[in-house]
Amino acid sequence: MADEASLKSAMRRVSGGVSVITAGVGEDRTGATVTSATALSVDPPTMIVNINRSSSSWPIISRYGHFCVNILSAEQQDVADRFAGKGGLKGTARYDGAEWYTLASGASALRGALAAIDCEVDEIIERHSHAIILGRVVSIVTGEGHSLLYNNGGYGRFSV
């Protein structure tokens, strides 16, 4: 039987890199922890992110027309937890405890992230519970370290 619970259970078994999507400016910013951020195209450089339309991030991305994909290192699990809303954190409170800077689009980038991929919204496709957001990459900052991974409800790391 294909239902919501079955699909969630199946997808939890896929290991994925953890990113924090940031959007907004100043006191009107928020973000979310995702494993769904990926490159759609390298020519032209384009990212794709899926955001639940009931999340606090959706109206901010829609309003500002930008987002940053912050690819987290294994040492940044606390950032992932905050942006996942652990402890009931919302909005700008999710940014506490880490160092941020602003990129070309106006979105916030996490200092020390493995990569910060700054995007301007190119297209939004609303389907069912989610918005599929295509972002034109306007700048990229890369760092060093090992990836933070998520699998079946827990975090891990990958290193070679």
N, C-alpha and C. Protein backbone atom coordinates (compact mmCIF):
# COMPACT_ATOMS: atom_id res chain seq x y z
N MET A 1 0.85 -1.18 0.00
CA MET A 1 0.00 0.00 0.00
C MET A 1 0.89 1.24 0.00
N ALA A 2 0.62 2.16 -0.88
CA ALA A 2 1.39 3.40 -0.96
C ALA A 2 0.63 4.50 -0.23
N ASP A 3 1.14 4.89 0.92
CA ASP A 3 0.53 5.99 1.68
C ASP A 3 1.65 6.87 2.24
N GLU A 4 1.27 7.93 2.90
CA GLU A 4 2.23 8.90 3.43
C GLU A 4 3.25 8.25 4.37
N ALA A 5 2.78 7.45 5.30
CA ALA A 5 3.68 6.81 6.27
C ALA A 5 4.66 5.86 5.59
N SER A 6 4.18 5.10 4.61
CA SER A 6 5.06 4.16 3.90
C SER A 6 6.15 4.89 3.13
N LEU A 7 5.77 5.98 2.46
CA LEU A 7 6.77 6.74 1.70
C LEU A 7 7.80 7.36 2.62
N LYS A 8 7.35 7.96 3.74
CA LYS A 8 8.29 8.53 4.70
C LYS A 8 9.25 7.47 5.22
N SER A 9 8.73 6.30 5.54
CA SER A 9 9.56 5.21 6.05
C SER A 9 10.59 4.78 5.01
N ALA A 10 10.16 4.66 3.78
CA ALA A 10 11.09 4.26 2.71
C ALA A 10 12.17 5.31 2.50
N MET A 11 11.80 6.57 2.46
CA MET A 11 12.77 7.63 2.19
C MET A 11 13.75 7.86 3.34
N ARG A 12 13.37 7.50 4.57
CA ARG A 12 14.29 7.64 5.71
C ARG A 12 15.49 6.70 5.57
N ARG A 13 15.35 5.71 4.72
CA ARG A 13 16.42 4.73 4.53
C ARG A 13 17.48 5.20 3.53
N VAL A 14 17.23 6.30 2.87
CA VAL A 14 18.19 6.87 1.92
C VAL A 14 19.10 7.83 2.68
N SER A 15 20.40 7.57 2.67
CA SER A 15 21.33 8.50 3.29
C SER A 15 21.42 9.75 2.43
N GLY A 16 21.44 10.89 3.07
CA GLY A 16 21.53 12.14 2.32
C GLY A 16 22.40 13.15 3.02
N GLY A 17 23.03 13.99 2.21
CA GLY A 17 23.78 15.11 2.76
C GLY A 17 22.82 16.11 3.37
N VAL A 18 23.24 16.76 4.43
CA VAL A 18 22.39 17.69 5.17
C VAL A 18 22.77 19.13 4.80
N SER A 19 21.75 19.89 4.44
CA SER A 19 21.93 21.31 4.13
C SER A 19 20.93 22.13 4.93
N VAL A 20 21.28 23.37 5.15
CA VAL A 20 20.35 24.33 5.72
C VAL A 20 20.05 25.36 4.64
N ILE A 21 18.77 25.53 4.38
CA ILE A 21 18.32 26.53 3.42
C ILE A 21 18.01 27.79 4.21
N THR A 22 18.62 28.90 3.84
CA THR A 22 18.37 30.17 4.51
C THR A 22 17.72 31.14 3.53
N ALA A 23 16.88 32.02 4.07
CA ALA A 23 16.21 33.03 3.24
C ALA A 23 15.77 34.18 4.12
N GLY A 24 15.60 35.32 3.48
CA GLY A 24 15.14 36.51 4.19
C GLY A 24 16.28 37.43 4.56
N VAL A 25 15.91 38.55 5.20
CA VAL A 25 16.87 39.59 5.55
C VAL A 25 16.59 40.06 6.97
N GLY A 26 17.66 40.31 7.72
CA GLY A 26 17.54 40.88 9.06
C GLY A 26 16.64 40.06 9.97
N GLU A 27 15.68 40.74 10.60
CA GLU A 27 14.77 40.06 11.51
C GLU A 27 13.69 39.28 10.78
N ASP A 28 13.63 39.42 9.47
CA ASP A 28 12.64 38.70 8.66
C ASP A 28 13.34 37.58 7.89
N ARG A 29 14.05 36.72 8.62
CA ARG A 29 14.72 35.60 7.99
C ARG A 29 14.45 34.33 8.77
N THR A 30 14.52 33.25 8.07
CA THR A 30 14.30 31.93 8.65
C THR A 30 15.04 30.91 7.81
N GLY A 31 14.76 29.66 7.99
CA GLY A 31 15.41 28.63 7.21
C GLY A 31 14.94 27.25 7.64
N ALA A 32 15.45 26.25 6.95
CA ALA A 32 15.04 24.88 7.21
C ALA A 32 16.19 23.92 6.93
N THR A 33 16.20 22.81 7.65
CA THR A 33 17.15 21.73 7.40
C THR A 33 16.53 20.80 6.37
N VAL A 34 17.32 20.46 5.33
CA VAL A 34 16.81 19.60 4.26
C VAL A 34 17.87 18.58 3.83
N THR A 35 17.40 17.50 3.25
CA THR A 35 18.28 16.56 2.57
C THR A 35 17.93 16.54 1.08
N SER A 36 17.04 17.43 0.67
CA SER A 36 16.52 17.42 -0.70
C SER A 36 17.16 18.44 -1.64
N ALA A 37 18.17 19.16 -1.20
CA ALA A 37 18.82 20.14 -2.08
C ALA A 37 19.78 19.42 -3.02
N THR A 38 19.70 19.75 -4.29
CA THR A 38 20.58 19.12 -5.27
C THR A 38 20.78 20.03 -6.47
N ALA A 39 21.83 19.76 -7.22
CA ALA A 39 22.05 20.51 -8.46
C ALA A 39 21.11 19.97 -9.52
N LEU A 40 20.41 20.85 -10.19
CA LEU A 40 19.56 20.47 -11.31
C LEU A 40 20.38 20.49 -12.60
N SER A 41 21.26 21.50 -12.70
CA SER A 41 22.03 21.69 -13.92
C SER A 41 23.32 22.43 -13.58
N VAL A 42 24.37 22.14 -14.32
CA VAL A 42 25.60 22.92 -14.17
C VAL A 42 25.75 23.92 -15.30
N ASP A 43 24.91 23.79 -16.34
CA ASP A 43 24.95 24.71 -17.48
C ASP A 43 23.53 25.05 -17.90
N PRO A 44 22.94 26.11 -17.39
CA PRO A 44 23.51 27.06 -16.42
C PRO A 44 23.43 26.49 -15.00
N PRO A 45 24.29 27.00 -14.10
CA PRO A 45 24.28 26.53 -12.72
C PRO A 45 22.91 26.78 -12.06
N THR A 46 22.24 25.69 -11.70
CA THR A 46 20.88 25.77 -11.16
C THR A 46 20.72 24.73 -10.05
N MET A 47 20.13 25.15 -8.95
CA MET A 47 19.83 24.26 -7.82
C MET A 47 18.32 24.00 -7.77
N ILE A 48 17.97 22.89 -7.14
CA ILE A 48 16.58 22.57 -6.89
C ILE A 48 16.41 22.24 -5.41
N VAL A 49 15.38 22.83 -4.81
CA VAL A 49 15.07 22.60 -3.41
C VAL A 49 13.57 22.38 -3.29
N ASN A 50 13.19 21.42 -2.46
CA ASN A 50 11.78 21.15 -2.21
C ASN A 50 11.44 21.62 -0.80
N ILE A 51 10.46 22.51 -0.69
CA ILE A 51 10.09 23.08 0.60
C ILE A 51 8.60 22.85 0.84
N ASN A 52 8.27 22.35 2.02
CA ASN A 52 6.88 22.17 2.38
C ASN A 52 6.21 23.54 2.44
N ARG A 53 5.06 23.67 1.79
CA ARG A 53 4.38 24.96 1.73
C ARG A 53 3.78 25.37 3.07
N SER A 54 3.75 24.47 4.05
CA SER A 54 3.27 24.84 5.37
C SER A 54 4.41 25.30 6.28
N SER A 55 5.66 25.23 5.78
CA SER A 55 6.81 25.64 6.59
C SER A 55 6.94 27.16 6.63
N SER A 56 7.63 27.64 7.64
CA SER A 56 7.85 29.09 7.77
C SER A 56 8.81 29.61 6.69
N SER A 57 9.59 28.73 6.08
CA SER A 57 10.54 29.14 5.04
C SER A 57 9.88 29.48 3.72
N TRP A 58 8.79 28.81 3.41
CA TRP A 58 8.14 28.98 2.12
C TRP A 58 7.74 30.43 1.83
N PRO A 59 7.01 31.13 2.71
CA PRO A 59 6.64 32.51 2.35
C PRO A 59 7.84 33.46 2.28
N ILE A 60 8.89 33.18 3.04
CA ILE A 60 10.08 34.03 3.02
C ILE A 60 10.83 33.86 1.70
N ILE A 61 11.00 32.63 1.24
CA ILE A 61 11.65 32.39 -0.05
C ILE A 61 10.83 33.05 -1.16
N SER A 62 9.54 32.87 -1.09
CA SER A 62 8.65 33.44 -2.10
C SER A 62 8.72 34.98 -2.10
N ARG A 63 8.73 35.57 -0.92
CA ARG A 63 8.74 37.04 -0.79
C ARG A 63 10.06 37.65 -1.25
N TYR A 64 11.18 37.07 -0.82
CA TYR A 64 12.49 37.67 -1.11
C TYR A 64 13.09 37.20 -2.43
N GLY A 65 12.64 36.07 -2.95
CA GLY A 65 13.15 35.59 -4.22
C GLY A 65 14.59 35.12 -4.18
N HIS A 66 15.02 34.67 -3.00
CA HIS A 66 16.38 34.15 -2.88
C HIS A 66 16.43 33.04 -1.85
N PHE A 67 17.52 32.27 -1.89
CA PHE A 67 17.81 31.29 -0.84
C PHE A 67 19.28 30.90 -0.97
N CYS A 68 19.83 30.38 0.11
CA CYS A 68 21.20 29.88 0.10
C CYS A 68 21.17 28.43 0.60
N VAL A 69 21.82 27.56 -0.15
CA VAL A 69 21.99 26.17 0.26
C VAL A 69 23.31 26.09 1.00
N ASN A 70 23.26 25.90 2.31
CA ASN A 70 24.46 25.78 3.13
C ASN A 70 24.69 24.29 3.40
N ILE A 71 25.70 23.71 2.76
CA ILE A 71 25.99 22.29 2.91
C ILE A 71 26.81 22.11 4.19
N LEU A 72 26.25 21.35 5.13
CA LEU A 72 26.83 21.28 6.47
C LEU A 72 27.95 20.24 6.57
N SER A 73 28.91 20.60 7.42
CA SER A 73 29.99 19.67 7.75
C SER A 73 29.55 18.81 8.94
N ALA A 74 30.29 17.73 9.17
CA ALA A 74 29.98 16.82 10.27
C ALA A 74 30.01 17.53 11.62
N GLU A 75 30.72 18.64 11.72
CA GLU A 75 30.81 19.38 12.98
C GLU A 75 29.64 20.35 13.17
N GLN A 76 28.71 20.41 12.25
CA GLN A 76 27.63 21.41 12.32
C GLN A 76 26.25 20.79 12.58
N GLN A 77 26.23 19.66 13.26
CA GLN A 77 24.95 19.02 13.59
C GLN A 77 24.07 19.93 14.42
N ASP A 78 24.66 20.73 15.30
CA ASP A 78 23.86 21.65 16.11
C ASP A 78 23.10 22.65 15.24
N VAL A 79 23.70 23.09 14.15
CA VAL A 79 23.03 24.00 13.21
C VAL A 79 21.86 23.26 12.55
N ALA A 80 22.10 22.03 12.13
CA ALA A 80 21.03 21.22 11.53
C ALA A 80 19.85 21.08 12.49
N ASP A 81 20.14 20.80 13.75
CA ASP A 81 19.08 20.64 14.75
C ASP A 81 18.29 21.94 14.94
N ARG A 82 19.00 23.07 15.02
CA ARG A 82 18.31 24.35 15.22
C ARG A 82 17.38 24.65 14.05
N PHE A 83 17.87 24.45 12.80
CA PHE A 83 17.06 24.77 11.64
C PHE A 83 15.98 23.72 11.37
N ALA A 84 16.07 22.57 12.04
CA ALA A 84 14.99 21.59 12.00
C ALA A 84 13.92 21.92 13.03
N GLY A 85 14.16 22.97 13.82
CA GLY A 85 13.18 23.41 14.80
C GLY A 85 13.28 22.71 16.14
N LYS A 86 14.38 22.01 16.39
CA LYS A 86 14.56 21.32 17.66
C LYS A 86 14.45 22.33 18.81
N GLY A 87 13.70 21.98 19.82
CA GLY A 87 13.50 22.88 20.94
C GLY A 87 12.50 23.99 20.64
N GLY A 88 11.79 23.87 19.52
CA GLY A 88 10.77 24.86 19.17
C GLY A 88 11.31 26.14 18.57
N LEU A 89 12.58 26.16 18.17
CA LEU A 89 13.18 27.37 17.60
C LEU A 89 12.53 27.73 16.27
N LYS A 90 12.31 29.03 16.08
CA LYS A 90 11.73 29.55 14.85
C LYS A 90 12.46 30.81 14.42
N GLY A 91 12.30 31.17 13.15
CA GLY A 91 12.79 32.45 12.64
C GLY A 91 14.25 32.71 12.91
N THR A 92 14.54 33.93 13.34
CA THR A 92 15.94 34.33 13.53
C THR A 92 16.62 33.61 14.68
N ALA A 93 15.86 33.02 15.61
CA ALA A 93 16.46 32.26 16.71
C ALA A 93 17.27 31.07 16.20
N ARG A 94 16.93 30.59 15.01
CA ARG A 94 17.66 29.46 14.43
C ARG A 94 19.09 29.86 14.04
N TYR A 95 19.34 31.14 13.87
CA TYR A 95 20.66 31.62 13.46
C TYR A 95 21.62 31.77 14.65
N ASP A 96 21.10 31.74 15.86
CA ASP A 96 21.93 31.91 17.05
C ASP A 96 22.96 30.78 17.16
N GLY A 97 24.12 31.11 17.70
CA GLY A 97 25.14 30.10 17.97
C GLY A 97 26.03 29.76 16.79
N ALA A 98 25.89 30.49 15.68
CA ALA A 98 26.75 30.27 14.51
C ALA A 98 27.06 31.63 13.90
N GLU A 99 28.08 31.66 13.07
CA GLU A 99 28.49 32.90 12.42
C GLU A 99 27.97 32.92 10.98
N TRP A 100 27.32 34.03 10.61
CA TRP A 100 26.68 34.17 9.30
C TRP A 100 27.20 35.40 8.58
N TYR A 101 27.16 35.36 7.27
CA TYR A 101 27.49 36.52 6.46
C TYR A 101 26.54 36.55 5.27
N THR A 102 26.45 37.69 4.59
CA THR A 102 25.49 37.87 3.50
C THR A 102 26.17 37.71 2.15
N LEU A 103 25.49 36.99 1.26
CA LEU A 103 26.00 36.79 -0.10
C LEU A 103 25.28 37.73 -1.08
N ALA A 104 25.59 37.60 -2.35
CA ALA A 104 25.10 38.52 -3.39
C ALA A 104 23.58 38.65 -3.43
N SER A 105 22.85 37.55 -3.23
CA SER A 105 21.38 37.59 -3.32
C SER A 105 20.75 38.27 -2.12
N GLY A 106 21.50 38.38 -1.03
CA GLY A 106 20.96 38.89 0.23
C GLY A 106 20.71 37.79 1.24
N ALA A 107 20.82 36.52 0.82
CA ALA A 107 20.62 35.39 1.74
C ALA A 107 21.85 35.21 2.63
N SER A 108 21.64 34.55 3.76
CA SER A 108 22.72 34.32 4.73
C SER A 108 23.47 33.04 4.43
N ALA A 109 24.79 33.11 4.58
CA ALA A 109 25.67 31.95 4.41
C ALA A 109 26.32 31.64 5.75
N LEU A 110 26.47 30.35 6.02
CA LEU A 110 27.07 29.87 7.26
C LEU A 110 28.58 29.81 7.12
N ARG A 111 29.27 30.54 7.98
CA ARG A 111 30.73 30.48 7.97
C ARG A 111 31.16 29.09 8.42
N GLY A 112 32.06 28.47 7.66
CA GLY A 112 32.54 27.13 7.99
C GLY A 112 31.77 26.01 7.32
N ALA A 113 30.72 26.34 6.55
CA ALA A 113 29.99 25.30 5.82
C ALA A 113 30.90 24.70 4.75
N LEU A 114 30.59 23.46 4.35
CA LEU A 114 31.36 22.84 3.27
C LEU A 114 31.20 23.62 1.98
N ALA A 115 29.99 24.18 1.79
CA ALA A 115 29.73 25.05 0.64
C ALA A 115 28.50 25.89 0.96
N ALA A 116 28.49 27.08 0.42
CA ALA A 116 27.32 27.96 0.46
C ALA A 116 27.01 28.30 -0.99
N ILE A 117 25.82 27.87 -1.43
CA ILE A 117 25.43 28.08 -2.82
C ILE A 117 24.29 29.08 -2.83
N ASP A 118 24.59 30.28 -3.26
CA ASP A 118 23.69 31.42 -3.22
C ASP A 118 22.83 31.44 -4.48
N CYS A 119 21.51 31.51 -4.31
CA CYS A 119 20.60 31.40 -5.45
C CYS A 119 19.53 32.49 -5.45
N GLU A 120 19.18 32.91 -6.66
CA GLU A 120 17.99 33.73 -6.87
C GLU A 120 16.92 32.82 -7.45
N VAL A 121 15.70 32.96 -6.98
CA VAL A 121 14.61 32.10 -7.44
C VAL A 121 14.38 32.34 -8.93
N ASP A 122 14.41 31.25 -9.69
CA ASP A 122 14.19 31.30 -11.13
C ASP A 122 12.76 30.85 -11.46
N GLU A 123 12.29 29.82 -10.78
CA GLU A 123 10.95 29.30 -11.04
C GLU A 123 10.46 28.54 -9.81
N ILE A 124 9.16 28.61 -9.58
CA ILE A 124 8.53 27.86 -8.49
C ILE A 124 7.41 27.02 -9.09
N ILE A 125 7.43 25.74 -8.74
CA ILE A 125 6.39 24.82 -9.18
C ILE A 125 5.69 24.31 -7.91
N GLU A 126 4.44 24.65 -7.75
CA GLU A 126 3.69 24.20 -6.57
C GLU A 126 2.98 22.90 -6.90
N ARG A 127 3.31 21.85 -6.14
CA ARG A 127 2.67 20.55 -6.32
C ARG A 127 2.36 19.96 -4.96
N HIS A 128 1.11 19.64 -4.76
CA HIS A 128 0.66 18.97 -3.54
C HIS A 128 1.12 19.77 -2.31
N SER A 129 1.82 19.12 -1.39
CA SER A 129 2.21 19.79 -0.15
C SER A 129 3.46 20.65 -0.28
N HIS A 130 4.17 20.55 -1.40
CA HIS A 130 5.48 21.19 -1.51
C HIS A 130 5.60 22.17 -2.68
N ALA A 131 6.59 23.02 -2.57
CA ALA A 131 7.00 23.89 -3.67
C ALA A 131 8.36 23.39 -4.14
N ILE A 132 8.47 23.19 -5.43
CA ILE A 132 9.75 22.83 -6.05
C ILE A 132 10.35 24.15 -6.51
N ILE A 133 11.47 24.51 -5.92
CA ILE A 133 12.06 25.82 -6.19
C ILE A 133 13.34 25.65 -6.98
N LEU A 134 13.37 26.26 -8.15
CA LEU A 134 14.57 26.26 -8.99
C LEU A 134 15.30 27.57 -8.75
N GLY A 135 16.57 27.47 -8.43
CA GLY A 135 17.36 28.65 -8.14
C GLY A 135 18.53 28.81 -9.08
N ARG A 136 18.64 30.01 -9.65
CA ARG A 136 19.80 30.35 -10.48
C ARG A 136 20.95 30.69 -9.55
N VAL A 137 22.05 29.95 -9.65
CA VAL A 137 23.19 30.15 -8.77
C VAL A 137 23.89 31.46 -9.14
N VAL A 138 24.06 32.34 -8.13
CA VAL A 138 24.72 33.62 -8.37
C VAL A 138 26.11 33.69 -7.74
N SER A 139 26.36 32.86 -6.73
CA SER A 139 27.71 32.78 -6.17
C SER A 139 27.86 31.50 -5.36
N ILE A 140 29.11 31.08 -5.22
CA ILE A 140 29.43 29.85 -4.47
C ILE A 140 30.67 30.11 -3.64
N VAL A 141 30.61 29.69 -2.38
CA VAL A 141 31.76 29.74 -1.48
C VAL A 141 31.97 28.31 -0.99
N THR A 142 33.20 27.81 -1.08
CA THR A 142 33.47 26.45 -0.63
C THR A 142 34.42 26.45 0.57
N GLY A 143 34.29 25.39 1.37
CA GLY A 143 35.13 25.22 2.55
C GLY A 143 35.74 23.83 2.57
N GLU A 144 36.16 23.41 3.73
CA GLU A 144 36.82 22.11 3.91
C GLU A 144 36.11 21.34 5.01
N GLY A 145 36.27 20.02 4.98
CA GLY A 145 35.73 19.19 6.05
C GLY A 145 35.06 17.94 5.50
N HIS A 146 34.30 17.28 6.37
CA HIS A 146 33.59 16.06 6.04
C HIS A 146 32.09 16.30 6.11
N SER A 147 31.35 15.62 5.25
CA SER A 147 29.90 15.82 5.14
C SER A 147 29.13 15.31 6.35
N LEU A 148 28.10 16.07 6.73
CA LEU A 148 27.12 15.60 7.69
C LEU A 148 26.06 14.85 6.90
N LEU A 149 25.76 13.62 7.32
CA LEU A 149 24.77 12.79 6.65
C LEU A 149 23.59 12.52 7.58
N TYR A 150 22.46 12.21 6.97
CA TYR A 150 21.26 11.86 7.72
C TYR A 150 20.72 10.55 7.16
N ASN A 151 20.41 9.60 8.06
CA ASN A 151 19.87 8.33 7.64
C ASN A 151 19.02 7.75 8.75
N ASN A 152 17.79 7.39 8.42
CA ASN A 152 16.87 6.68 9.31
C ASN A 152 16.76 7.34 10.69
N GLY A 153 16.68 8.66 10.70
CA GLY A 153 16.45 9.39 11.94
C GLY A 153 17.69 9.80 12.70
N GLY A 154 18.88 9.52 12.16
CA GLY A 154 20.11 9.87 12.87
C GLY A 154 21.14 10.49 11.96
N TYR A 155 22.09 11.18 12.58
CA TYR A 155 23.18 11.81 11.86
C TYR A 155 24.41 10.92 11.83
N GLY A 156 25.23 11.12 10.83
CA GLY A 156 26.49 10.42 10.73
C GLY A 156 27.44 11.26 9.89
N ARG A 157 28.58 10.71 9.58
CA ARG A 157 29.55 11.43 8.77
C ARG A 157 30.18 10.49 7.77
N PHE A 158 30.70 11.07 6.73
CA PHE A 158 31.40 10.31 5.72
C PHE A 158 32.75 10.96 5.49
N SER A 159 33.77 10.15 5.52
CA SER A 159 35.11 10.67 5.23
C SER A 159 35.88 9.59 4.49
N VAL A 160 36.79 10.04 3.64
CA VAL A 160 37.61 9.09 2.87
C VAL A 160 39.05 9.22 3.28
